[in-house]
PDB file of N, CA and C in Angstrom:
ATOM      1  N   MET A   1       0.860  -1.161   0.019  1.00  0.00           N
ATOM      2  CA  MET A   1      -0.020  -0.010   0.017  1.00  0.00           C
ATOM      3  C   MET A   1       0.906   1.201  -0.006  1.00  0.00           C
ATOM      4  N   ASP A   2       0.546   2.196  -0.855  1.00  0.00           N
ATOM      5  CA  ASP A   2       1.348   3.381  -0.855  1.00  0.00           C
ATOM      6  C   ASP A   2       0.824   4.427   0.118  1.00  0.00           C
ATOM      7  N   CYS A   3       1.469   5.599   0.151  1.00  0.00           N
ATOM      8  CA  CYS A   3       1.097   6.662   1.127  1.00  0.00           C
ATOM      9  C   CYS A   3      -0.365   7.169   0.962  1.00  0.00           C
ATOM     10  N   SER A   4      -0.719   7.440  -0.253  1.00  0.00           N
ATOM     11  CA  SER A   4      -2.045   7.966  -0.489  1.00  0.00           C
ATOM     12  C   SER A   4      -3.114   6.854  -0.202  1.00  0.00           C
ATOM     13  N   GLY A   5      -2.780   5.593  -0.391  1.00  0.00           N
ATOM     14  CA  GLY A   5      -3.683   4.513  -0.035  1.00  0.00           C
ATOM     15  C   GLY A   5      -3.898   4.452   1.417  1.00  0.00           C
ATOM     16  N   LEU A   6      -2.792   4.590   2.202  1.00  0.00           N
ATOM     17  CA  LEU A   6      -2.898   4.590   3.653  1.00  0.00           C
ATOM     18  C   LEU A   6      -3.772   5.779   4.119  1.00  0.00           C
ATOM     19  N   LEU A   7      -3.617   6.901   3.537  1.00  0.00           N
ATOM     20  CA  LEU A   7      -4.423   8.069   3.972  1.00  0.00           C
ATOM     21  C   LEU A   7      -5.928   7.781   3.606  1.00  0.00           C
ATOM     22  N   TYR A   8      -6.105   7.268   2.427  1.00  0.00           N
ATOM     23  CA  TYR A   8      -7.481   6.940   1.966  1.00  0.00           C
ATOM     24  C   TYR A   8      -8.152   5.992   2.900  1.00  0.00           C
ATOM     25  N   VAL A   9      -7.501   5.007   3.350  1.00  0.00           N
ATOM     26  CA  VAL A   9      -8.095   4.035   4.299  1.00  0.00           C
ATOM     27  C   VAL A   9      -8.260   4.678   5.656  1.00  0.00           C
ATOM     28  N   ALA A  10      -7.256   5.337   6.175  1.00  0.00           N
ATOM     29  CA  ALA A  10      -7.325   5.911   7.504  1.00  0.00           C
ATOM     30  C   ALA A  10      -8.472   6.957   7.647  1.00  0.00           C
ATOM     31  N   PHE A  11      -8.551   7.844   6.638  1.00  0.00           N
ATOM     32  CA  PHE A  11      -9.637   8.832   6.697  1.00  0.00           C
ATOM     33  C   PHE A  11     -10.994   8.176   6.498  1.00  0.00           C
ATOM     34  N   SER A  12     -11.119   7.083   5.668  1.00  0.00           N
ATOM     35  CA  SER A  12     -12.413   6.461   5.427  1.00  0.00           C
ATOM     36  C   SER A  12     -12.931   5.805   6.669  1.00  0.00           C
ATOM     37  N   GLU A  13     -11.962   5.373   7.580  1.00  0.00           N
ATOM     38  CA  GLU A  13     -12.311   4.782   8.861  1.00  0.00           C
ATOM     39  C   GLU A  13     -13.023   5.832   9.722  1.00  0.00           C
ATOM     40  N   HIS A  14     -12.845   7.090   9.428  1.00  0.00           N
ATOM     41  CA  HIS A  14     -13.526   8.199  10.219  1.00  0.00           C
ATOM     42  C   HIS A  14     -14.632   8.844   9.308  1.00  0.00           C
ATOM     43  N   ASN A  15     -15.093   8.146   8.334  1.00  0.00           N
ATOM     44  CA  ASN A  15     -16.142   8.680   7.408  1.00  0.00           C
ATOM     45  C   ASN A  15     -15.767   9.947   6.718  1.00  0.00           C
ATOM     46  N   ILE A  16     -14.497  10.084   6.388  1.00  0.00           N
ATOM     47  CA  ILE A  16     -14.035  11.219   5.584  1.00  0.00           C
ATOM     48  C   ILE A  16     -13.650  10.678   4.237  1.00  0.00           C
ATOM     49  N   THR A  17     -14.309  11.111   3.180  1.00  0.00           N
ATOM     50  CA  THR A  17     -14.065  10.597   1.832  1.00  0.00           C
ATOM     51  C   THR A  17     -12.959  11.404   1.146  1.00  0.00           C
ATOM     52  N   LEU A  18     -11.948  10.742   0.681  1.00  0.00           N
ATOM     53  CA  LEU A  18     -10.851  11.325  -0.075  1.00  0.00           C
ATOM     54  C   LEU A  18     -10.741  10.616  -1.378  1.00  0.00           C
ATOM     55  N   PRO A  19     -10.192  11.386  -2.415  1.00  0.00           N
ATOM     56  CA  PRO A  19      -9.869  10.595  -3.651  1.00  0.00           C
ATOM     57  C   PRO A  19      -8.795   9.589  -3.347  1.00  0.00           C
ATOM     58  N   ARG A  20      -8.622   8.657  -4.220  1.00  0.00           N
ATOM     59  CA  ARG A  20      -7.642   7.546  -3.919  1.00  0.00           C
ATOM     60  C   ARG A  20      -6.206   7.938  -4.222  1.00  0.00           C
ATOM     61  N   VAL A  21      -5.954   8.790  -5.145  1.00  0.00           N
ATOM     62  CA  VAL A  21      -4.587   9.221  -5.504  1.00  0.00           C
ATOM     63  C   VAL A  21      -4.234  10.620  -5.015  1.00  0.00           C
ATOM     64  N   SER A  22      -2.973  10.880  -4.645  1.00  0.00           N
ATOM     65  CA  SER A  22      -2.579  12.078  -4.090  1.00  0.00           C
ATOM     66  C   SER A  22      -2.761  13.319  -5.001  1.00  0.00           C
ATOM     67  N   TYR A  23      -2.586  13.126  -6.307  1.00  0.00           N
ATOM     68  CA  TYR A  23      -2.761  14.206  -7.276  1.00  0.00           C
ATOM     69  C   TYR A  23      -4.202  14.707  -7.156  1.00  0.00           C
ATOM     70  N   ASN A  24      -5.164  13.826  -7.100  1.00  0.00           N
ATOM     71  CA  ASN A  24      -6.566  14.151  -6.984  1.00  0.00           C
ATOM     72  C   ASN A  24      -6.907  14.740  -5.608  1.00  0.00           C
ATOM     73  N   MET A  25      -6.265  14.216  -4.543  1.00  0.00           N
ATOM     74  CA  MET A  25      -6.439  14.786  -3.209  1.00  0.00           C
ATOM     75  C   MET A  25      -6.030  16.274  -3.168  1.00  0.00           C
ATOM     76  N   ALA A  26      -4.841  16.515  -3.768  1.00  0.00           N
ATOM     77  CA  ALA A  26      -4.373  17.899  -3.736  1.00  0.00           C
ATOM     78  C   ALA A  26      -5.277  18.843  -4.473  1.00  0.00           C
ATOM     79  N   ASN A  27      -5.789  18.401  -5.616  1.00  0.00           N
ATOM     80  CA  ASN A  27      -6.674  19.259  -6.407  1.00  0.00           C
ATOM     81  C   ASN A  27      -8.041  19.458  -5.796  1.00  0.00           C
ATOM     82  N   GLU A  28      -8.450  18.609  -4.882  1.00  0.00           N
ATOM     83  CA  GLU A  28      -9.710  18.800  -4.265  1.00  0.00           C
ATOM     84  C   GLU A  28      -9.708  19.698  -3.003  1.00  0.00           C
ATOM     85  N   GLY A  29      -8.488  19.880  -2.427  1.00  0.00           N
ATOM     86  CA  GLY A  29      -8.408  20.754  -1.249  1.00  0.00           C
ATOM     87  C   GLY A  29      -8.339  22.235  -1.562  1.00  0.00           C
ATOM     88  N   LYS A  30      -8.053  22.991  -0.496  1.00  0.00           N
ATOM     89  CA  LYS A  30      -7.948  24.424  -0.691  1.00  0.00           C
ATOM     90  C   LYS A  30      -6.664  24.856  -0.115  1.00  0.00           C
ATOM     91  N   GLU A  31      -6.160  25.972  -0.549  1.00  0.00           N
ATOM     92  CA  GLU A  31      -4.910  26.493  -0.109  1.00  0.00           C
ATOM     93  C   GLU A  31      -5.098  27.210   1.226  1.00  0.00           C
ATOM     94  N   ILE A  32      -4.163  26.957   2.182  1.00  0.00           N
ATOM     95  CA  ILE A  32      -4.213  27.604   3.470  1.00  0.00           C
ATOM     96  C   ILE A  32      -2.849  28.100   3.844  1.00  0.00           C
ATOM     97  N   ARG A  33      -2.779  28.951   4.863  1.00  0.00           N
ATOM     98  CA  ARG A  33      -1.469  29.352   5.287  1.00  0.00           C
ATOM     99  C   ARG A  33      -0.900  28.339   6.317  1.00  0.00           C
ATOM    100  N   VAL A  34       0.347  28.213   6.371  1.00  0.00           N
ATOM    101  CA  VAL A  34       0.986  27.238   7.288  1.00  0.00           C
ATOM    102  C   VAL A  34       0.567  27.554   8.716  1.00  0.00           C
ATOM    103  N   LYS A  35       0.417  28.748   9.076  1.00  0.00           N
ATOM    104  CA  LYS A  35      -0.058  29.120  10.471  1.00  0.00           C
ATOM    105  C   LYS A  35      -1.397  28.690  10.805  1.00  0.00           C
ATOM    106  N   ASP A  36      -2.225  28.345   9.718  1.00  0.00           N
ATOM    107  CA  ASP A  36      -3.601  27.925   9.940  1.00  0.00           C
ATOM    108  C   ASP A  36      -3.828  26.391   9.868  1.00  0.00           C
ATOM    109  N   VAL A  37      -2.713  25.646   9.775  1.00  0.00           N
ATOM    110  CA  VAL A  37      -2.797  24.207   9.694  1.00  0.00           C
ATOM    111  C   VAL A  37      -3.437  23.697  11.002  1.00  0.00           C
ATOM    112  N   GLU A  38      -4.334  22.696  10.850  1.00  0.00           N
ATOM    113  CA  GLU A  38      -4.958  22.119  12.000  1.00  0.00           C
ATOM    114  C   GLU A  38      -4.721  20.604  11.934  1.00  0.00           C
ATOM    115  N   LYS A  39      -4.926  19.989  13.067  1.00  0.00           N
ATOM    116  CA  LYS A  39      -4.804  18.526  13.196  1.00  0.00           C
ATOM    117  C   LYS A  39      -5.609  17.827  12.107  1.00  0.00           C
ATOM    118  N   GLY A  40      -5.003  16.884  11.443  1.00  0.00           N
ATOM    119  CA  GLY A  40      -5.689  16.149  10.376  1.00  0.00           C
ATOM    120  C   GLY A  40      -5.534  16.753   9.013  1.00  0.00           C
ATOM    121  N   ASP A  41      -4.981  17.944   8.829  1.00  0.00           N
ATOM    122  CA  ASP A  41      -4.835  18.538   7.554  1.00  0.00           C
ATOM    123  C   ASP A  41      -3.772  17.782   6.801  1.00  0.00           C
ATOM    124  N   LEU A  42      -3.938  17.714   5.485  1.00  0.00           N
ATOM    125  CA  LEU A  42      -2.919  17.145   4.597  1.00  0.00           C
ATOM    126  C   LEU A  42      -2.245  18.273   3.863  1.00  0.00           C
ATOM    127  N   LEU A  43      -1.008  18.244   3.840  1.00  0.00           N
ATOM    128  CA  LEU A  43      -0.222  19.316   3.252  1.00  0.00           C
ATOM    129  C   LEU A  43       0.445  18.773   1.974  1.00  0.00           C
ATOM    130  N   PHE A  44       0.257  19.427   0.881  1.00  0.00           N
ATOM    131  CA  PHE A  44       0.764  18.942  -0.404  1.00  0.00           C
ATOM    132  C   PHE A  44       1.788  19.995  -0.878  1.00  0.00           C
ATOM    133  N   LEU A  45       2.973  19.479  -1.203  1.00  0.00           N
ATOM    134  CA  LEU A  45       3.967  20.325  -1.727  1.00  0.00           C
ATOM    135  C   LEU A  45       3.990  20.160  -3.294  1.00  0.00           C
ATOM    136  N   GLU A  46       3.942  21.275  -3.969  1.00  0.00           N
ATOM    137  CA  GLU A  46       3.904  21.217  -5.457  1.00  0.00           C
ATOM    138  C   GLU A  46       2.738  20.415  -5.954  1.00  0.00           C
ATOM    139  N   PRO A  47       1.490  20.719  -5.587  1.00  0.00           N
ATOM    140  CA  PRO A  47       0.348  19.869  -5.998  1.00  0.00           C
ATOM    141  C   PRO A  47       0.100  19.910  -7.471  1.00  0.00           C
ATOM    142  N   GLN A  48       0.707  20.809  -8.249  1.00  0.00           N
ATOM    143  CA  GLN A  48       0.424  20.819  -9.703  1.00  0.00           C
ATOM    144  C   GLN A  48       1.156  19.699 -10.418  1.00  0.00           C
ATOM    145  N   LYS A  49       2.115  19.022  -9.697  1.00  0.00           N
ATOM    146  CA  LYS A  49       2.851  17.948 -10.317  1.00  0.00           C
ATOM    147  C   LYS A  49       2.118  16.677 -10.127  1.00  0.00           C
ATOM    148  N   LYS A  50       2.313  15.671 -10.965  1.00  0.00           N
ATOM    149  CA  LYS A  50       1.649  14.377 -10.869  1.00  0.00           C
ATOM    150  C   LYS A  50       2.034  13.676  -9.600  1.00  0.00           C
ATOM    151  N   LYS A  51       3.350  13.660  -9.239  1.00  0.00           N
ATOM    152  CA  LYS A  51       3.756  13.089  -7.985  1.00  0.00           C
ATOM    153  C   LYS A  51       3.804  14.176  -6.960  1.00  0.00           C
ATOM    154  N   THR A  52       3.059  14.034  -5.897  1.00  0.00           N
ATOM    155  CA  THR A  52       3.092  15.090  -4.862  1.00  0.00           C
ATOM    156  C   THR A  52       3.448  14.468  -3.516  1.00  0.00           C
ATOM    157  N   TYR A  53       4.103  15.202  -2.634  1.00  0.00           N
ATOM    158  CA  TYR A  53       4.389  14.771  -1.285  1.00  0.00           C
ATOM    159  C   TYR A  53       3.388  15.217  -0.365  1.00  0.00           C
ATOM    160  N   LYS A  54       2.878  14.374   0.486  1.00  0.00           N
ATOM    161  CA  LYS A  54       1.709  14.736   1.318  1.00  0.00           C
ATOM    162  C   LYS A  54       1.939  14.382   2.772  1.00  0.00           C
ATOM    163  N   PRO A  55       2.676  15.250   3.507  1.00  0.00           N
ATOM    164  CA  PRO A  55       2.772  15.045   4.958  1.00  0.00           C
ATOM    165  C   PRO A  55       1.398  15.210   5.601  1.00  0.00           C
ATOM    166  N   CYS A  56       1.104  14.469   6.594  1.00  0.00           N
ATOM    167  CA  CYS A  56      -0.139  14.612   7.356  1.00  0.00           C
ATOM    168  C   CYS A  56       0.116  15.265   8.659  1.00  0.00           C
ATOM    169  N   TRP A  57      -0.637  16.286   8.983  1.00  0.00           N
ATOM    170  CA  TRP A  57      -0.458  17.040  10.226  1.00  0.00           C
ATOM    171  C   TRP A  57      -1.250  16.410  11.284  1.00  0.00           C
ATOM    172  N   PHE A  58      -0.543  15.828  12.327  1.00  0.00           N
ATOM    173  CA  PHE A  58      -1.202  15.102  13.419  1.00  0.00           C
ATOM    174  C   PHE A  58      -1.346  15.924  14.697  1.00  0.00           C
ATOM    175  N   GLY A  59      -0.455  16.884  14.887  1.00  0.00           N
ATOM    176  CA  GLY A  59      -0.459  17.609  16.137  1.00  0.00           C
ATOM    177  C   GLY A  59      -0.305  19.054  16.033  1.00  0.00           C
ATOM    178  N   SER A  60       0.267  19.696  17.008  1.00  0.00           N
ATOM    179  CA  SER A  60       0.430  21.090  17.030  1.00  0.00           C
ATOM    180  C   SER A  60       1.955  21.381  17.039  1.00  0.00           C
ATOM    181  N   CYS A  61       2.282  22.694  16.699  1.00  0.00           N
ATOM    182  CA  CYS A  61       3.645  23.063  16.751  1.00  0.00           C
ATOM    183  C   CYS A  61       3.727  24.345  17.604  1.00  0.00           C
ATOM    184  N   ASN A  62       4.931  24.658  18.068  1.00  0.00           N
ATOM    185  CA  ASN A  62       5.112  25.882  18.824  1.00  0.00           C
ATOM    186  C   ASN A  62       5.170  27.024  17.822  1.00  0.00           C
ATOM    187  N   ARG A  63       4.252  27.949  17.919  1.00  0.00           N
ATOM    188  CA  ARG A  63       4.223  29.088  17.014  1.00  0.00           C
ATOM    189  C   ARG A  63       4.597  30.347  17.772  1.00  0.00           C
TER     190      ARG A  63
END
């Protein structure tokens, strides 16, 4: 299972529907400021590319 598959399954366990592949996940979301990131947000770097990196935000940071 790849990273986007893991996110797909994990979020579906909480009744959150995501597209299966990261490129589609990135295109479905909205742009936010890093300071506004919340627990559970998915962050996509360079979402316009077919291969995107998607770290998942699980906690908080010191701001």
